């Protein structure tokens, strides 16, 4: 199969992730940011996000309420905070309950 380069998310305060356009995204955080929603996903779609800290680091990312995190505490993972640190997160879209 063909592989596509990740879709670059232009940094901004609040982002809508359009899963109808791509499934693999990369984003360098320039400040604390928020993902407002995943738009146009389909059931079973795997969404990969590579999150990179800018040269300052210590950026925080807030996820939409329809993201369910695995585990006992069901809380979002803590991103690495060093300058230029990169985390990769994968989501599987569940049409009945979100990512």
Protein backbone atom coordinates (compact mmCIF):
# COMPACT_ATOMS: atom_id res chain seq x y z
CA UNK A 1 0.00 0.00 0.00
CA UNK A 2 0.95 3.62 -0.41
CA UNK A 3 2.11 5.72 2.49
CA UNK A 4 1.36 9.40 2.82
CA UNK A 5 3.36 11.98 4.70
CA UNK A 6 1.67 13.19 7.89
CA UNK A 7 -0.65 16.17 7.59
CA UNK A 8 0.91 19.16 9.32
CA UNK A 9 -1.38 20.95 11.74
CA UNK A 10 -0.75 24.69 11.61
CA UNK A 11 -0.27 25.70 15.24
CA UNK A 12 -3.07 27.68 16.83
CA UNK A 13 -4.91 27.94 20.13
CA UNK A 14 -7.81 25.59 19.30
CA UNK A 15 -7.72 22.89 16.63
CA UNK A 16 -10.33 20.78 14.88
CA UNK A 17 -8.71 17.59 13.59
CA UNK A 18 -10.29 16.73 10.23
CA UNK A 19 -10.09 12.94 10.01
CA UNK A 20 -11.88 12.99 6.68
CA UNK A 21 -8.73 14.54 5.17
CA UNK A 22 -6.09 12.35 6.84
CA UNK A 23 -5.40 9.84 9.60
CA UNK A 24 -1.82 10.83 10.45
CA UNK A 25 -1.07 14.29 11.81
CA UNK A 26 1.97 16.13 13.12
CA UNK A 27 1.79 19.25 15.28
CA UNK A 28 4.45 21.40 16.92
CA UNK A 29 2.95 23.15 19.93
CA UNK A 30 3.80 26.85 20.22
CA UNK A 31 1.93 27.34 23.52
CA UNK A 32 -0.69 25.47 25.56
CA UNK A 33 -3.30 24.23 23.08
CA UNK A 34 -6.72 22.57 22.83
CA UNK A 35 -8.16 19.99 20.42
CA UNK A 36 -11.82 20.96 20.14
CA UNK A 37 -12.98 17.88 18.22
CA UNK A 38 -12.17 15.13 15.75
CA UNK A 39 -14.19 15.99 12.63
CA UNK A 40 -15.43 13.44 10.04
CA UNK A 41 -13.91 10.24 11.47
CA UNK A 42 -15.24 6.84 10.42
CA UNK A 43 -15.79 3.82 12.65
CA UNK A 44 -12.57 1.94 13.32
CA UNK A 45 -10.37 4.68 11.86
CA UNK A 46 -6.94 4.80 13.49
CA UNK A 47 -5.81 8.38 14.01
CA UNK A 48 -2.12 8.97 14.72
CA UNK A 49 -0.89 12.25 16.16
CA UNK A 50 2.75 13.20 16.56
CA UNK A 51 2.99 16.04 19.05
CA UNK A 52 6.27 17.97 19.29
CA UNK A 53 7.22 20.57 21.86
CA UNK A 54 8.64 23.79 20.40
CA UNK A 55 12.06 25.19 21.38
CA UNK A 56 10.59 26.41 24.70
CA UNK A 57 8.85 23.19 25.76
CA UNK A 58 6.52 22.68 28.73
CA UNK A 59 3.44 22.92 26.49
CA UNK A 60 0.19 21.26 27.56
CA UNK A 61 -2.46 19.83 25.23
CA UNK A 62 -6.13 19.57 26.24
CA UNK A 63 -8.24 16.91 24.50
CA UNK A 64 -11.98 16.93 23.70
CA UNK A 65 -14.38 15.32 26.13
CA UNK A 66 -15.26 12.51 23.71
CA UNK A 67 -11.74 11.02 23.99
CA UNK A 68 -11.69 8.04 26.35
CA UNK A 69 -8.29 7.11 27.78
CA UNK A 70 -7.48 3.50 28.66
CA UNK A 71 -6.50 2.28 32.10
CA UNK A 72 -7.71 2.55 35.65
CA UNK A 73 -7.45 6.34 35.95
CA UNK A 74 -8.64 7.04 32.39
CA UNK A 75 -6.70 10.31 32.23
CA UNK A 76 -4.81 11.72 29.28
CA UNK A 77 -1.14 10.82 29.11
CA UNK A 78 1.31 13.50 30.19
CA UNK A 79 3.31 14.75 27.24
CA UNK A 80 7.06 15.03 27.48
CA UNK A 81 7.91 18.64 28.29
CA UNK A 82 11.53 19.05 27.19
CA UNK A 83 12.15 21.41 24.28
CA UNK A 84 11.73 19.56 20.96
CA UNK A 85 10.44 16.38 22.71
CA UNK A 86 8.03 14.33 20.62
CA UNK A 87 5.15 12.06 21.64
CA UNK A 88 3.07 9.84 19.37
CA UNK A 89 -0.53 9.05 20.27
CA UNK A 90 -2.92 6.72 18.47
CA UNK A 91 -6.68 6.78 18.66
CA UNK A 92 -9.24 4.32 17.32
CA UNK A 93 -12.55 5.98 16.52
CA UNK A 94 -15.59 4.32 18.07
CA UNK A 95 -18.71 5.73 16.40
CA UNK A 96 -20.75 5.09 19.54
CA UNK A 97 -18.44 6.81 21.96
CA UNK A 98 -15.67 8.82 20.32
CA UNK A 99 -11.95 8.22 20.27
